[in-house]
Amino acid sequence: MASRQYKLVIYETHPFLEMLDPNAAQAFTPATSYLTKEPVVSEAAITYDRTNGGITPASYWFVHTMGDILTAGAGAGLMLERLTEHPHSNREVEYDQYERREPQLPLCFTLVARKR
């Protein structure tokens, strides 16, 4: 029987982008710490299709640093195959203001890992 190769593929908002608030008066000044461990509380729907999902009951989510993400994968026995940081946003349309800027920020990433 052929052995199966399992892969983990993540395409997600870059943790760096989570520091910025696109609706703030100073949208390019970090609004939160990259290293925060506090949950983000939101009543706006999180969408990945660039639409406005409206108001929802409060949700609580955590931002993980790139180090947290890679360390968790290694701890689960995964071997990193590829990490690509992208200059485009996969978030709501108000995040588009961070694209095509100099200096360019990492806005989302693709991670591919496989079981050792």
PDB file of N, CA and C in Angstrom:
ATOM      1  N   MET A   1       0.838  -1.166   0.000  1.00  0.00           N
ATOM      2  CA  MET A   1       0.000   0.000   0.000  1.00  0.00           C
ATOM      3  C   MET A   1       0.894   1.244   0.000  1.00  0.00           C
ATOM      4  N   ALA A   2       0.584   2.202  -0.851  1.00  0.00           N
ATOM      5  CA  ALA A   2       1.365   3.434  -0.937  1.00  0.00           C
ATOM      6  C   ALA A   2       1.123   4.292   0.298  1.00  0.00           C
ATOM      7  N   SER A   3       2.206   4.894   0.776  1.00  0.00           N
ATOM      8  CA  SER A   3       2.036   5.779   1.937  1.00  0.00           C
ATOM      9  C   SER A   3       1.485   7.121   1.474  1.00  0.00           C
ATOM     10  N   ARG A   4       0.687   7.711   2.311  1.00  0.00           N
ATOM     11  CA  ARG A   4       0.101   9.002   1.996  1.00  0.00           C
ATOM     12  C   ARG A   4       0.984  10.103   2.560  1.00  0.00           C
ATOM     13  N   GLN A   5       1.043  11.183   1.835  1.00  0.00           N
ATOM     14  CA  GLN A   5       1.761  12.353   2.325  1.00  0.00           C
ATOM     15  C   GLN A   5       0.736  13.433   2.649  1.00  0.00           C
ATOM     16  N   TYR A   6       0.676  13.811   3.903  1.00  0.00           N
ATOM     17  CA  TYR A   6      -0.270  14.815   4.348  1.00  0.00           C
ATOM     18  C   TYR A   6       0.420  16.172   4.402  1.00  0.00           C
ATOM     19  N   LYS A   7      -0.296  17.191   3.936  1.00  0.00           N
ATOM     20  CA  LYS A   7       0.238  18.543   3.958  1.00  0.00           C
ATOM     21  C   LYS A   7      -0.723  19.466   4.681  1.00  0.00           C
ATOM     22  N   LEU A   8      -0.155  20.455   5.318  1.00  0.00           N
ATOM     23  CA  LEU A   8      -0.913  21.546   5.900  1.00  0.00           C
ATOM     24  C   LEU A   8      -0.653  22.759   5.024  1.00  0.00           C
ATOM     25  N   VAL A   9      -1.710  23.396   4.553  1.00  0.00           N
ATOM     26  CA  VAL A   9      -1.586  24.612   3.750  1.00  0.00           C
ATOM     27  C   VAL A   9      -2.407  25.696   4.442  1.00  0.00           C
ATOM     28  N   ILE A  10      -1.745  26.802   4.735  1.00  0.00           N
ATOM     29  CA  ILE A  10      -2.412  27.949   5.365  1.00  0.00           C
ATOM     30  C   ILE A  10      -2.228  29.148   4.447  1.00  0.00           C
ATOM     31  N   TYR A  11      -3.321  29.797   4.105  1.00  0.00           N
ATOM     32  CA  TYR A  11      -3.300  31.086   3.405  1.00  0.00           C
ATOM     33  C   TYR A  11      -4.064  32.030   4.305  1.00  0.00           C
ATOM     34  N   GLU A  12      -3.351  32.990   4.913  1.00  0.00           N
ATOM     35  CA  GLU A  12      -3.967  33.769   5.987  1.00  0.00           C
ATOM     36  C   GLU A  12      -3.402  35.178   6.029  1.00  0.00           C
ATOM     37  N   THR A  13      -4.093  36.044   6.733  1.00  0.00           N
ATOM     38  CA  THR A  13      -3.620  37.397   6.992  1.00  0.00           C
ATOM     39  C   THR A  13      -2.296  37.319   7.738  1.00  0.00           C
ATOM     40  N   HIS A  14      -1.329  38.133   7.315  1.00  0.00           N
ATOM     41  CA  HIS A  14      -0.032  38.164   7.992  1.00  0.00           C
ATOM     42  C   HIS A  14      -0.208  38.784   9.377  1.00  0.00           C
ATOM     43  N   PRO A  15       0.426  38.218  10.395  1.00  0.00           N
ATOM     44  CA  PRO A  15       0.291  38.786  11.739  1.00  0.00           C
ATOM     45  C   PRO A  15       0.696  40.265  11.812  1.00  0.00           C
ATOM     46  N   PHE A  16       1.618  40.689  10.967  1.00  0.00           N
ATOM     47  CA  PHE A  16       2.022  42.098  10.972  1.00  0.00           C
ATOM     48  C   PHE A  16       0.845  43.013  10.634  1.00  0.00           C
ATOM     49  N   LEU A  17       0.015  42.596   9.681  1.00  0.00           N
ATOM     50  CA  LEU A  17      -1.127  43.418   9.264  1.00  0.00           C
ATOM     51  C   LEU A  17      -2.113  43.613  10.409  1.00  0.00           C
ATOM     52  N   GLU A  18      -2.180  42.657  11.315  1.00  0.00           N
ATOM     53  CA  GLU A  18      -3.106  42.742  12.439  1.00  0.00           C
ATOM     54  C   GLU A  18      -2.766  43.892  13.386  1.00  0.00           C
ATOM     55  N   MET A  19      -1.568  44.460  13.262  1.00  0.00           N
ATOM     56  CA  MET A  19      -1.170  45.591  14.096  1.00  0.00           C
ATOM     57  C   MET A  19      -1.837  46.889  13.644  1.00  0.00           C
ATOM     58  N   LEU A  20      -2.303  46.943  12.417  1.00  0.00           N
ATOM     59  CA  LEU A  20      -2.801  48.179  11.827  1.00  0.00           C
ATOM     60  C   LEU A  20      -4.321  48.243  11.861  1.00  0.00           C
ATOM     61  N   ASP A  21      -4.835  49.445  11.995  1.00  0.00           N
ATOM     62  CA  ASP A  21      -6.280  49.683  11.969  1.00  0.00           C
ATOM     63  C   ASP A  21      -6.578  50.541  10.748  1.00  0.00           C
ATOM     64  N   PRO A  22      -7.157  49.956   9.691  1.00  0.00           N
ATOM     65  CA  PRO A  22      -7.376  50.707   8.465  1.00  0.00           C
ATOM     66  C   PRO A  22      -8.375  51.854   8.605  1.00  0.00           C
ATOM     67  N   ASN A  23      -9.138  51.883   9.681  1.00  0.00           N
ATOM     68  CA  ASN A  23     -10.124  52.944   9.892  1.00  0.00           C
ATOM     69  C   ASN A  23      -9.631  54.041  10.833  1.00  0.00           C
ATOM     70  N   ALA A  24      -8.416  53.917  11.337  1.00  0.00           N
ATOM     71  CA  ALA A  24      -7.868  54.914  12.254  1.00  0.00           C
ATOM     72  C   ALA A  24      -7.415  56.154  11.490  1.00  0.00           C
ATOM     73  N   ALA A  25      -7.359  57.290  12.182  1.00  0.00           N
ATOM     74  CA  ALA A  25      -6.876  58.524  11.565  1.00  0.00           C
ATOM     75  C   ALA A  25      -5.438  58.355  11.074  1.00  0.00           C
ATOM     76  N   GLN A  26      -4.639  57.606  11.811  1.00  0.00           N
ATOM     77  CA  GLN A  26      -3.255  57.306  11.430  1.00  0.00           C
ATOM     78  C   GLN A  26      -3.170  55.826  11.045  1.00  0.00           C
ATOM     79  N   ALA A  27      -3.737  55.480   9.910  1.00  0.00           N
ATOM     80  CA  ALA A  27      -3.888  54.081   9.504  1.00  0.00           C
ATOM     81  C   ALA A  27      -2.567  53.349   9.291  1.00  0.00           C
ATOM     82  N   PHE A  28      -1.475  54.078   9.163  1.00  0.00           N
ATOM     83  CA  PHE A  28      -0.176  53.438   8.937  1.00  0.00           C
ATOM     84  C   PHE A  28       0.682  53.387  10.198  1.00  0.00           C
ATOM     85  N   THR A  29       0.130  53.837  11.302  1.00  0.00           N
ATOM     86  CA  THR A  29       0.805  53.743  12.589  1.00  0.00           C
ATOM     87  C   THR A  29       0.264  52.523  13.311  1.00  0.00           C
ATOM     88  N   PRO A  30       1.144  51.638  13.804  1.00  0.00           N
ATOM     89  CA  PRO A  30       0.639  50.455  14.509  1.00  0.00           C
ATOM     90  C   PRO A  30      -0.311  50.836  15.640  1.00  0.00           C
ATOM     91  N   ALA A  31      -1.437  50.142  15.691  1.00  0.00           N
ATOM     92  CA  ALA A  31      -2.463  50.396  16.703  1.00  0.00           C
ATOM     93  C   ALA A  31      -2.383  49.395  17.852  1.00  0.00           C
ATOM     94  N   THR A  32      -1.777  48.248  17.592  1.00  0.00           N
ATOM     95  CA  THR A  32      -1.615  47.221  18.625  1.00  0.00           C
ATOM     96  C   THR A  32      -0.220  46.620  18.513  1.00  0.00           C
ATOM     97  N   SER A  33       0.197  45.950  19.555  1.00  0.00           N
ATOM     98  CA  SER A  33       1.510  45.317  19.580  1.00  0.00           C
ATOM     99  C   SER A  33       1.508  44.025  18.764  1.00  0.00           C
ATOM    100  N   TYR A  34       2.593  43.779  18.068  1.00  0.00           N
ATOM    101  CA  TYR A  34       2.767  42.509  17.357  1.00  0.00           C
ATOM    102  C   TYR A  34       2.768  41.344  18.342  1.00  0.00           C
ATOM    103  N   LEU A  35       3.194  41.588  19.547  1.00  0.00           N
ATOM    104  CA  LEU A  35       3.366  40.527  20.539  1.00  0.00           C
ATOM    105  C   LEU A  35       2.203  40.400  21.509  1.00  0.00           C
ATOM    106  N   THR A  36       1.068  41.046  21.239  1.00  0.00           N
ATOM    107  CA  THR A  36      -0.062  40.997  22.161  1.00  0.00           C
ATOM    108  C   THR A  36      -0.598  39.572  22.318  1.00  0.00           C
ATOM    109  N   LYS A  37      -1.009  39.260  23.509  1.00  0.00           N
ATOM    110  CA  LYS A  37      -1.604  37.947  23.788  1.00  0.00           C
ATOM    111  C   LYS A  37      -3.080  38.079  24.151  1.00  0.00           C
ATOM    112  N   GLU A  38      -3.577  39.312  24.184  1.00  0.00           N
ATOM    113  CA  GLU A  38      -4.972  39.562  24.507  1.00  0.00           C
ATOM    114  C   GLU A  38      -5.864  39.220  23.321  1.00  0.00           C
ATOM    115  N   PRO A  39      -7.061  38.700  23.558  1.00  0.00           N
ATOM    116  CA  PRO A  39      -7.955  38.400  22.436  1.00  0.00           C
ATOM    117  C   PRO A  39      -8.466  39.689  21.783  1.00  0.00           C
ATOM    118  N   VAL A  40      -8.739  39.602  20.513  1.00  0.00           N
ATOM    119  CA  VAL A  40      -9.392  40.685  19.775  1.00  0.00           C
ATOM    120  C   VAL A  40     -10.883  40.425  19.887  1.00  0.00           C
ATOM    121  N   VAL A  41     -11.629  41.435  20.274  1.00  0.00           N
ATOM    122  CA  VAL A  41     -13.080  41.307  20.389  1.00  0.00           C
ATOM    123  C   VAL A  41     -13.686  42.106  19.238  1.00  0.00           C
ATOM    124  N   SER A  42     -14.548  41.466  18.471  1.00  0.00           N
ATOM    125  CA  SER A  42     -15.121  42.126  17.305  1.00  0.00           C
ATOM    126  C   SER A  42     -16.601  41.800  17.181  1.00  0.00           C
ATOM    127  N   GLU A  43     -17.366  42.787  16.752  1.00  0.00           N
ATOM    128  CA  GLU A  43     -18.775  42.560  16.443  1.00  0.00           C
ATOM    129  C   GLU A  43     -19.019  42.639  14.940  1.00  0.00           C
ATOM    130  N   ALA A  44     -17.961  42.857  14.180  1.00  0.00           N
ATOM    131  CA  ALA A  44     -18.066  42.857  12.719  1.00  0.00           C
ATOM    132  C   ALA A  44     -17.732  41.461  12.218  1.00  0.00           C
ATOM    133  N   ALA A  45     -18.480  40.999  11.270  1.00  0.00           N
ATOM    134  CA  ALA A  45     -18.223  39.681  10.701  1.00  0.00           C
ATOM    135  C   ALA A  45     -16.875  39.676   9.990  1.00  0.00           C
ATOM    136  N   ILE A  46     -16.121  38.603  10.160  1.00  0.00           N
ATOM    137  CA  ILE A  46     -14.853  38.436   9.448  1.00  0.00           C
ATOM    138  C   ILE A  46     -15.176  37.723   8.146  1.00  0.00           C
ATOM    139  N   THR A  47     -14.814  38.339   7.046  1.00  0.00           N
ATOM    140  CA  THR A  47     -15.101  37.744   5.741  1.00  0.00           C
ATOM    141  C   THR A  47     -13.815  37.538   4.966  1.00  0.00           C
ATOM    142  N   TYR A  48     -13.817  36.583   4.094  1.00  0.00           N
ATOM    143  CA  TYR A  48     -12.672  36.333   3.219  1.00  0.00           C
ATOM    144  C   TYR A  48     -13.049  36.540   1.760  1.00  0.00           C
ATOM    145  N   ASP A  49     -14.224  37.045   1.502  1.00  0.00           N
ATOM    146  CA  ASP A  49     -14.643  37.281   0.112  1.00  0.00           C
ATOM    147  C   ASP A  49     -14.752  38.766  -0.195  1.00  0.00           C
ATOM    148  N   ARG A  50     -14.151  39.595   0.676  1.00  0.00           N
ATOM    149  CA  ARG A  50     -14.051  41.044   0.485  1.00  0.00           C
ATOM    150  C   ARG A  50     -15.393  41.758   0.560  1.00  0.00           C
ATOM    151  N   THR A  51     -16.372  41.121   1.206  1.00  0.00           N
ATOM    152  CA  THR A  51     -17.678  41.753   1.385  1.00  0.00           C
ATOM    153  C   THR A  51     -17.830  42.187   2.836  1.00  0.00           C
ATOM    154  N   ASN A  52     -18.800  43.033   3.067  1.00  0.00           N
ATOM    155  CA  ASN A  52     -19.122  43.469   4.415  1.00  0.00           C
ATOM    156  C   ASN A  52     -20.127  42.475   4.985  1.00  0.00           C
ATOM    157  N   GLY A  53     -19.714  41.754   6.016  1.00  0.00           N
ATOM    158  CA  GLY A  53     -20.584  40.750   6.613  1.00  0.00           C
ATOM    159  C   GLY A  53     -21.553  41.306   7.632  1.00  0.00           C
ATOM    160  N   GLY A  54     -21.462  42.614   7.905  1.00  0.00           N
ATOM    161  CA  GLY A  54     -22.383  43.230   8.846  1.00  0.00           C
ATOM    162  C   GLY A  54     -21.985  43.007  10.296  1.00  0.00           C
ATOM    163  N   ILE A  55     -22.924  43.313  11.167  1.00  0.00           N
ATOM    164  CA  ILE A  55     -22.711  43.192  12.611  1.00  0.00           C
ATOM    165  C   ILE A  55     -23.152  41.798  13.057  1.00  0.00           C
ATOM    166  N   THR A  56     -22.365  41.207  13.934  1.00  0.00           N
ATOM    167  CA  THR A  56     -22.649  39.872  14.455  1.00  0.00           C
ATOM    168  C   THR A  56     -22.503  39.904  15.977  1.00  0.00           C
ATOM    169  N   PRO A  57     -22.898  38.857  16.659  1.00  0.00           N
ATOM    170  CA  PRO A  57     -22.588  38.785  18.096  1.00  0.00           C
ATOM    171  C   PRO A  57     -21.066  38.860  18.280  1.00  0.00           C
ATOM    172  N   ALA A  58     -20.626  39.315  19.425  1.00  0.00           N
ATOM    173  CA  ALA A  58     -19.189  39.459  19.687  1.00  0.00           C
ATOM    174  C   ALA A  58     -18.455  38.149  19.450  1.00  0.00           C
ATOM    175  N   SER A  59     -17.307  38.266  18.789  1.00  0.00           N
ATOM    176  CA  SER A  59     -16.428  37.111  18.612  1.00  0.00           C
ATOM    177  C   SER A  59     -15.078  37.449  19.225  1.00  0.00           C
ATOM    178  N   TYR A  60     -14.387  36.447  19.672  1.00  0.00           N
ATOM    179  CA  TYR A  60     -13.091  36.604  20.321  1.00  0.00           C
ATOM    180  C   TYR A  60     -12.094  35.756  19.555  1.00  0.00           C
ATOM    181  N   TRP A  61     -11.009  36.368  19.121  1.00  0.00           N
ATOM    182  CA  TRP A  61      -9.995  35.630  18.402  1.00  0.00           C
ATOM    183  C   TRP A  61      -8.619  36.139  18.786  1.00  0.00           C
ATOM    184  N   PHE A  62      -7.632  35.326  18.535  1.00  0.00           N
ATOM    185  CA  PHE A  62      -6.263  35.626  18.940  1.00  0.00           C
ATOM    186  C   PHE A  62      -5.378  35.768  17.703  1.00  0.00           C
ATOM    187  N   VAL A  63      -4.480  36.735  17.779  1.00  0.00           N
ATOM    188  CA  VAL A  63      -3.478  36.920  16.736  1.00  0.00           C
ATOM    189  C   VAL A  63      -2.218  36.196  17.194  1.00  0.00           C
ATOM    190  N   HIS A  64      -1.667  35.371  16.331  1.00  0.00           N
ATOM    191  CA  HIS A  64      -0.448  34.622  16.642  1.00  0.00           C
ATOM    192  C   HIS A  64       0.694  35.175  15.803  1.00  0.00           C
ATOM    193  N   THR A  65       1.868  35.317  16.393  1.00  0.00           N
ATOM    194  CA  THR A  65       3.024  35.784  15.650  1.00  0.00           C
ATOM    195  C   THR A  65       3.466  34.701  14.657  1.00  0.00           C
ATOM    196  N   MET A  66       4.272  35.091  13.699  1.00  0.00           N
ATOM    197  CA  MET A  66       4.797  34.101  12.755  1.00  0.00           C
ATOM    198  C   MET A  66       5.621  33.057  13.510  1.00  0.00           C
ATOM    199  N   GLY A  67       6.332  33.488  14.546  1.00  0.00           N
ATOM    200  CA  GLY A  67       7.081  32.539  15.370  1.00  0.00           C
ATOM    201  C   GLY A  67       6.173  31.533  16.052  1.00  0.00           C
ATOM    202  N   ASP A  68       5.021  31.992  16.580  1.00  0.00           N
ATOM    203  CA  ASP A  68       4.049  31.083  17.201  1.00  0.00           C
ATOM    204  C   ASP A  68       3.571  30.036  16.201  1.00  0.00           C
ATOM    205  N   ILE A  69       3.272  30.481  14.992  1.00  0.00           N
ATOM    206  CA  ILE A  69       2.731  29.597  13.961  1.00  0.00           C
ATOM    207  C   ILE A  69       3.759  28.542  13.566  1.00  0.00           C
ATOM    208  N   LEU A  70       4.985  28.969  13.293  1.00  0.00           N
ATOM    209  CA  LEU A  70       6.032  28.027  12.871  1.00  0.00           C
ATOM    210  C   LEU A  70       6.413  27.075  14.001  1.00  0.00           C
ATOM    211  N   THR A  71       6.484  27.582  15.223  1.00  0.00           N
ATOM    212  CA  THR A  71       6.824  26.731  16.363  1.00  0.00           C
ATOM    213  C   THR A  71       5.740  25.688  16.621  1.00  0.00           C
ATOM    214  N   ALA A  72       4.475  26.067  16.486  1.00  0.00           N
ATOM    215  CA  ALA A  72       3.375  25.104  16.662  1.00  0.00           C
ATOM    216  C   ALA A  72       3.456  23.997  15.609  1.00  0.00           C
ATOM    217  N   GLY A  73       3.748  24.374  14.373  1.00  0.00           N
ATOM    218  CA  GLY A  73       3.895  23.362  13.317  1.00  0.00           C
ATOM    219  C   GLY A  73       5.034  22.403  13.618  1.00  0.00           C
ATOM    220  N   ALA A  74       6.181  22.932  14.027  1.00  0.00           N
ATOM    221  CA  ALA A  74       7.328  22.077  14.363  1.00  0.00           C
ATOM    222  C   ALA A  74       6.989  21.172  15.537  1.00  0.00           C
ATOM    223  N   GLY A  75       6.282  21.711  16.523  1.00  0.00           N
ATOM    224  CA  GLY A  75       5.891  20.921  17.690  1.00  0.00           C
ATOM    225  C   GLY A  75       4.919  19.801  17.344  1.00  0.00           C
ATOM    226  N   ALA A  76       4.184  19.977  16.249  1.00  0.00           N
ATOM    227  CA  ALA A  76       3.239  18.944  15.799  1.00  0.00           C
ATOM    228  C   ALA A  76       3.908  17.960  14.833  1.00  0.00           C
ATOM    229  N   GLY A  77       5.222  18.086  14.665  1.00  0.00           N
ATOM    230  CA  GLY A  77       5.944  17.161  13.796  1.00  0.00           C
ATOM    231  C   GLY A  77       5.872  17.522  12.321  1.00  0.00           C
ATOM    232  N   LEU A  78       5.576  18.775  12.014  1.00  0.00           N
ATOM    233  CA  LEU A  78       5.506  19.205  10.618  1.00  0.00           C
ATOM    234  C   LEU A  78       6.833  19.820  10.188  1.00  0.00           C
ATOM    235  N   MET A  79       7.185  19.593   8.942  1.00  0.00           N
ATOM    236  CA  MET A  79       8.391  20.167   8.364  1.00  0.00           C
ATOM    237  C   MET A  79       7.972  21.247   7.373  1.00  0.00           C
ATOM    238  N   LEU A  80       8.530  22.425   7.533  1.00  0.00           N
ATOM    239  CA  LEU A  80       8.208  23.537   6.657  1.00  0.00           C
ATOM    240  C   LEU A  80       8.734  23.273   5.254  1.00  0.00           C
ATOM    241  N   GLU A  81       7.856  23.361   4.265  1.00  0.00           N
ATOM    242  CA  GLU A  81       8.262  23.265   2.867  1.00  0.00           C
ATOM    243  C   GLU A  81       8.391  24.640   2.231  1.00  0.00           C
ATOM    244  N   ARG A  82       7.462  25.540   2.609  1.00  0.00           N
ATOM    245  CA  ARG A  82       7.467  26.858   1.979  1.00  0.00           C
ATOM    246  C   ARG A  82       6.718  27.849   2.854  1.00  0.00           C
ATOM    247  N   LEU A  83       7.263  29.044   2.943  1.00  0.00           N
ATOM    248  CA  LEU A  83       6.593  30.176   3.568  1.00  0.00           C
ATOM    249  C   LEU A  83       6.765  31.346   2.620  1.00  0.00           C
ATOM    250  N   THR A  84       5.662  31.823   2.068  1.00  0.00           N
ATOM    251  CA  THR A  84       5.684  32.944   1.137  1.00  0.00           C
ATOM    252  C   THR A  84       4.865  34.076   1.731  1.00  0.00           C
ATOM    253  N   GLU A  85       5.480  35.244   1.845  1.00  0.00           N
ATOM    254  CA  GLU A  85       4.777  36.419   2.343  1.00  0.00           C
ATOM    255  C   GLU A  85       4.371  37.253   1.134  1.00  0.00           C
ATOM    256  N   HIS A  86       3.107  37.693   1.126  1.00  0.00           N
ATOM    257  CA  HIS A  86       2.545  38.363  -0.046  1.00  0.00           C
ATOM    258  C   HIS A  86       2.287  39.845   0.217  1.00  0.00           C
ATOM    259  N   PRO A  87       2.420  40.688  -0.832  1.00  0.00           N
ATOM    260  CA  PRO A  87       2.147  42.113  -0.689  1.00  0.00           C
ATOM    261  C   PRO A  87       0.682  42.471  -0.936  1.00  0.00           C
ATOM    262  N   HIS A  88      -0.192  41.480  -1.060  1.00  0.00           N
ATOM    263  CA  HIS A  88      -1.623  41.765  -1.269  1.00  0.00           C
ATOM    264  C   HIS A  88      -2.414  41.345  -0.027  1.00  0.00           C
ATOM    265  N   SER A  89      -3.584  41.928   0.095  1.00  0.00           N
ATOM    266  CA  SER A  89      -4.432  41.681   1.246  1.00  0.00           C
ATOM    267  C   SER A  89      -5.482  40.625   0.915  1.00  0.00           C
ATOM    268  N   ASN A  90      -5.779  39.800   1.883  1.00  0.00           N
ATOM    269  CA  ASN A  90      -6.888  38.849   1.753  1.00  0.00           C
ATOM    270  C   ASN A  90      -8.012  39.225   2.723  1.00  0.00           C
ATOM    271  N   ARG A  91      -8.003  40.478   3.159  1.00  0.00           N
ATOM    272  CA  ARG A  91      -8.962  40.958   4.138  1.00  0.00           C
ATOM    273  C   ARG A  91     -10.029  41.820   3.480  1.00  0.00           C
ATOM    274  N   GLU A  92     -10.822  42.482   4.299  1.00  0.00           N
ATOM    275  CA  GLU A  92     -11.873  43.364   3.818  1.00  0.00           C
ATOM    276  C   GLU A  92     -11.273  44.498   2.989  1.00  0.00           C
ATOM    277  N   VAL A  93     -12.080  45.118   2.170  1.00  0.00           N
ATOM    278  CA  VAL A  93     -11.622  46.098   1.182  1.00  0.00           C
ATOM    279  C   VAL A  93     -10.865  47.272   1.806  1.00  0.00           C
ATOM    280  N   GLU A  94     -11.169  47.646   3.042  1.00  0.00           N
ATOM    281  CA  GLU A  94     -10.465  48.782   3.641  1.00  0.00           C
ATOM    282  C   GLU A  94      -8.970  48.508   3.852  1.00  0.00           C
ATOM    283  N   TYR A  95      -8.569  47.247   3.803  1.00  0.00           N
ATOM    284  CA  TYR A  95      -7.152  46.903   3.932  1.00  0.00           C
ATOM    285  C   TYR A  95      -6.384  47.091   2.621  1.00  0.00           C
ATOM    286  N   ASP A  96      -7.091  47.353   1.525  1.00  0.00           N
ATOM    287  CA  ASP A  96      -6.421  47.557   0.238  1.00  0.00           C
ATOM    288  C   ASP A  96      -5.472  48.749   0.257  1.00  0.00           C
ATOM    289  N   GLN A  97      -5.686  49.699   1.156  1.00  0.00           N
ATOM    290  CA  GLN A  97      -4.818  50.878   1.219  1.00  0.00           C
ATOM    291  C   GLN A  97      -3.370  50.527   1.544  1.00  0.00           C
ATOM    292  N   TYR A  98      -3.123  49.324   2.054  1.00  0.00           N
ATOM    293  CA  TYR A  98      -1.764  48.917   2.410  1.00  0.00           C
ATOM    294  C   TYR A  98      -1.032  48.255   1.240  1.00  0.00           C
ATOM    295  N   GLU A  99      -1.722  47.998   0.162  1.00  0.00           N
ATOM    296  CA  GLU A  99      -1.094  47.373  -1.008  1.00  0.00           C
ATOM    297  C   GLU A  99      -0.346  48.416  -1.839  1.00  0.00           C
ATOM    298  N   ARG A 100       0.661  47.949  -2.569  1.00  0.00           N
ATOM    299  CA  ARG A 100       1.422  48.763  -3.518  1.00  0.00           C
ATOM    300  C   ARG A 100       1.967  50.046  -2.884  1.00  0.00           C
ATOM    301  N   ARG A 101       2.513  49.910  -1.695  1.00  0.00           N
ATOM    302  CA  ARG A 101       3.106  51.039  -0.977  1.00  0.00           C
ATOM    303  C   ARG A 101       4.610  50.820  -0.871  1.00  0.00           C
ATOM    304  N   GLU A 102       5.348  51.908  -0.702  1.00  0.00           N
ATOM    305  CA  GLU A 102       6.772  51.802  -0.417  1.00  0.00           C
ATOM    306  C   GLU A 102       7.034  52.435   0.936  1.00  0.00           C
ATOM    307  N   PRO A 103       7.661  51.774   1.850  1.00  0.00           N
ATOM    308  CA  PRO A 103       8.065  50.383   1.743  1.00  0.00           C
ATOM    309  C   PRO A 103       6.860  49.454   1.878  1.00  0.00           C
ATOM    310  N   GLN A 104       6.908  48.342   1.151  1.00  0.00           N
ATOM    311  CA  GLN A 104       5.793  47.393   1.132  1.00  0.00           C
ATOM    312  C   GLN A 104       5.786  46.542   2.397  1.00  0.00           C
ATOM    313  N   LEU A 105       4.604  46.313   2.943  1.00  0.00           N
ATOM    314  CA  LEU A 105       4.420  45.490   4.125  1.00  0.00           C
ATOM    315  C   LEU A 105       3.981  44.084   3.733  1.00  0.00           C
ATOM    316  N   PRO A 106       4.279  43.077   4.557  1.00  0.00           N
ATOM    317  CA  PRO A 106       3.705  41.754   4.325  1.00  0.00           C
ATOM    318  C   PRO A 106       2.243  41.777   4.756  1.00  0.00           C
ATOM    319  N   LEU A 107       1.322  41.450   3.861  1.00  0.00           N
ATOM    320  CA  LEU A 107      -0.106  41.566   4.155  1.00  0.00           C
ATOM    321  C   LEU A 107      -0.784  40.214   4.365  1.00  0.00           C
ATOM    322  N   CYS A 108      -0.319  39.191   3.717  1.00  0.00           N
ATOM    323  CA  CYS A 108      -0.814  37.837   3.973  1.00  0.00           C
ATOM    324  C   CYS A 108       0.321  36.860   3.664  1.00  0.00           C
ATOM    325  N   PHE A 109       0.100  35.597   3.952  1.00  0.00           N
ATOM    326  CA  PHE A 109       1.154  34.606   3.727  1.00  0.00           C
ATOM    327  C   PHE A 109       0.550  33.264   3.341  1.00  0.00           C
ATOM    328  N   THR A 110       1.378  32.456   2.714  1.00  0.00           N
ATOM    329  CA  THR A 110       1.050  31.071   2.424  1.00  0.00           C
ATOM    330  C   THR A 110       2.131  30.214   3.075  1.00  0.00           C
ATOM    331  N   LEU A 111       1.687  29.255   3.861  1.00  0.00           N
ATOM    332  CA  LEU A 111       2.589  28.323   4.515  1.00  0.00           C
ATOM    333  C   LEU A 111       2.223  26.917   4.068  1.00  0.00           C
ATOM    334  N   VAL A 112       3.222  26.147   3.679  1.00  0.00           N
ATOM    335  CA  VAL A 112       3.029  24.749   3.315  1.00  0.00           C
ATOM    336  C   VAL A 112       3.987  23.921   4.172  1.00  0.00           C
ATOM    337  N   ALA A 113       3.442  22.949   4.887  1.00  0.00           N
ATOM    338  CA  ALA A 113       4.236  22.065   5.730  1.00  0.00           C
ATOM    339  C   ALA A 113       3.739  20.648   5.537  1.00  0.00           C
ATOM    340  N   ARG A 114       4.603  19.690   5.813  1.00  0.00           N
ATOM    341  CA  ARG A 114       4.179  18.278   5.692  1.00  0.00           C
ATOM    342  C   ARG A 114       4.655  17.500   6.897  1.00  0.00           C
ATOM    343  N   LYS A 115       3.997  16.391   7.113  1.00  0.00           N
ATOM    344  CA  LYS A 115       4.363  15.508   8.231  1.00  0.00           C
ATOM    345  C   LYS A 115       5.724  14.884   7.937  1.00  0.00           C
ATOM    346  N   ARG A 116       6.582  14.877   8.929  1.00  0.00           N
ATOM    347  CA  ARG A 116       7.929  14.297   8.746  1.00  0.00           C
ATOM    348  C   ARG A 116       7.859  12.816   8.549  1.00  0.00           C
TER     349      ARG A 116
END
